[in-house]
Amino acid sequence: MAGEAALRRRFEQAADLPADCDPCVLAQLVYTVTDGIAVQAASGHTRDRLHQVAGLALRMLFPL
């Protein structure tokens, strides 16, 4: 939880987040995705598949 709180504080200080973006919810989302990837890695998913999941998550969070 300390890491999530630190990430939330960084998001709170970020000047480029959309106005409707809640830093607390965003930090929780990032940790949820990374925890899920960790569970999948422990379950034997391939590194390539985990990279694909991480890439998709980033594209969804930060569309160009």
C-alpha atoms as a PDB file:
ATOM      1  CA  MET A   1       0.000   0.000   0.000  1.00  0.00           C
ATOM      2  CA  ALA A   2       2.922   2.359   0.565  1.00  0.00           C
ATOM      3  CA  GLY A   3       3.887   2.141  -3.089  1.00  0.00           C
ATOM      4  CA  GLU A   4       0.337   2.867  -4.185  1.00  0.00           C
ATOM      5  CA  ALA A   5       0.195   5.885  -1.837  1.00  0.00           C
ATOM      6  CA  ALA A   6       3.481   7.190  -3.249  1.00  0.00           C
ATOM      7  CA  LEU A   7       2.178   6.782  -6.785  1.00  0.00           C
ATOM      8  CA  ARG A   8      -1.039   8.594  -5.841  1.00  0.00           C
ATOM      9  CA  ARG A   9       0.989  11.516  -4.462  1.00  0.00           C
ATOM     10  CA  ARG A  10       2.966  11.686  -7.722  1.00  0.00           C
ATOM     11  CA  PHE A  11      -0.275  11.701  -9.710  1.00  0.00           C
ATOM     12  CA  GLU A  12      -1.627  14.455  -7.450  1.00  0.00           C
ATOM     13  CA  GLN A  13       1.388  16.593  -8.360  1.00  0.00           C
ATOM     14  CA  ALA A  14       1.203  15.849 -12.086  1.00  0.00           C
ATOM     15  CA  ALA A  15       0.160  18.876 -14.081  1.00  0.00           C
ATOM     16  CA  ASP A  16      -0.751  16.947 -17.232  1.00  0.00           C
ATOM     17  CA  LEU A  17      -3.473  14.600 -15.968  1.00  0.00           C
ATOM     18  CA  PRO A  18      -6.970  15.280 -17.264  1.00  0.00           C
ATOM     19  CA  ALA A  19      -9.070  17.323 -14.823  1.00  0.00           C
ATOM     20  CA  ASP A  20     -11.562  14.488 -14.376  1.00  0.00           C
ATOM     21  CA  CYS A  21      -8.855  11.939 -13.504  1.00  0.00           C
ATOM     22  CA  ASP A  22      -8.872  10.946  -9.826  1.00  0.00           C
ATOM     23  CA  PRO A  23      -5.238  10.345  -8.748  1.00  0.00           C
ATOM     24  CA  CYS A  24      -6.320   7.804  -6.121  1.00  0.00           C
ATOM     25  CA  VAL A  25      -8.321   5.753  -8.621  1.00  0.00           C
ATOM     26  CA  LEU A  26      -5.554   5.951 -11.225  1.00  0.00           C
ATOM     27  CA  ALA A  27      -2.957   4.719  -8.727  1.00  0.00           C
ATOM     28  CA  GLN A  28      -5.244   1.852  -7.744  1.00  0.00           C
ATOM     29  CA  LEU A  29      -5.783   0.968 -11.406  1.00  0.00           C
ATOM     30  CA  VAL A  30      -2.043   0.871 -12.096  1.00  0.00           C
ATOM     31  CA  TYR A  31      -1.485  -1.395  -9.108  1.00  0.00           C
ATOM     32  CA  THR A  32      -4.405  -3.622 -10.082  1.00  0.00           C
ATOM     33  CA  VAL A  33      -2.938  -4.120 -13.560  1.00  0.00           C
ATOM     34  CA  THR A  34       0.581  -4.778 -12.291  1.00  0.00           C
ATOM     35  CA  ASP A  35      -0.675  -7.163  -9.594  1.00  0.00           C
ATOM     36  CA  GLY A  36      -2.668  -9.022 -12.244  1.00  0.00           C
ATOM     37  CA  ILE A  37       0.382  -9.315 -14.466  1.00  0.00           C
ATOM     38  CA  ALA A  38       2.362 -10.658 -11.496  1.00  0.00           C
ATOM     39  CA  VAL A  39      -0.296 -13.320 -10.850  1.00  0.00           C
ATOM     40  CA  GLN A  40      -0.270 -14.313 -14.508  1.00  0.00           C
ATOM     41  CA  ALA A  41       3.529 -14.530 -14.496  1.00  0.00           C
ATOM     42  CA  ALA A  42       3.425 -16.778 -11.437  1.00  0.00           C
ATOM     43  CA  SER A  43       0.828 -18.914 -13.221  1.00  0.00           C
ATOM     44  CA  GLY A  44       3.210 -19.562 -16.074  1.00  0.00           C
ATOM     45  CA  HIS A  45       2.160 -17.124 -18.784  1.00  0.00           C
ATOM     46  CA  THR A  46       4.949 -16.330 -21.221  1.00  0.00           C
ATOM     47  CA  ARG A  47       6.999 -13.180 -21.061  1.00  0.00           C
ATOM     48  CA  ASP A  48       5.812 -12.288 -24.569  1.00  0.00           C
ATOM     49  CA  ARG A  49       2.153 -12.542 -23.517  1.00  0.00           C
ATOM     50  CA  LEU A  50       2.788 -10.454 -20.394  1.00  0.00           C
ATOM     51  CA  HIS A  51       4.473  -7.779 -22.521  1.00  0.00           C
ATOM     52  CA  GLN A  52       1.442  -7.776 -24.813  1.00  0.00           C
ATOM     53  CA  VAL A  53      -0.882  -7.290 -21.839  1.00  0.00           C
ATOM     54  CA  ALA A  54       1.282  -4.493 -20.430  1.00  0.00           C
ATOM     55  CA  GLY A  55       1.449  -2.775 -23.815  1.00  0.00           C
ATOM     56  CA  LEU A  56      -2.313  -2.916 -24.248  1.00  0.00           C
ATOM     57  CA  ALA A  57      -2.868  -1.582 -20.731  1.00  0.00           C
ATOM     58  CA  LEU A  58      -0.568   1.372 -21.430  1.00  0.00           C
ATOM     59  CA  ARG A  59      -2.267   2.114 -24.749  1.00  0.00           C
ATOM     60  CA  MET A  60      -5.660   2.041 -23.030  1.00  0.00           C
ATOM     61  CA  LEU A  61      -4.487   4.327 -20.232  1.00  0.00           C
ATOM     62  CA  PHE A  62      -2.629   6.764 -22.449  1.00  0.00           C
ATOM     63  CA  PRO A  63      -4.130   6.813 -25.943  1.00  0.00           C
ATOM     64  CA  LEU A  64      -2.226   8.811 -28.550  1.00  0.00           C
END
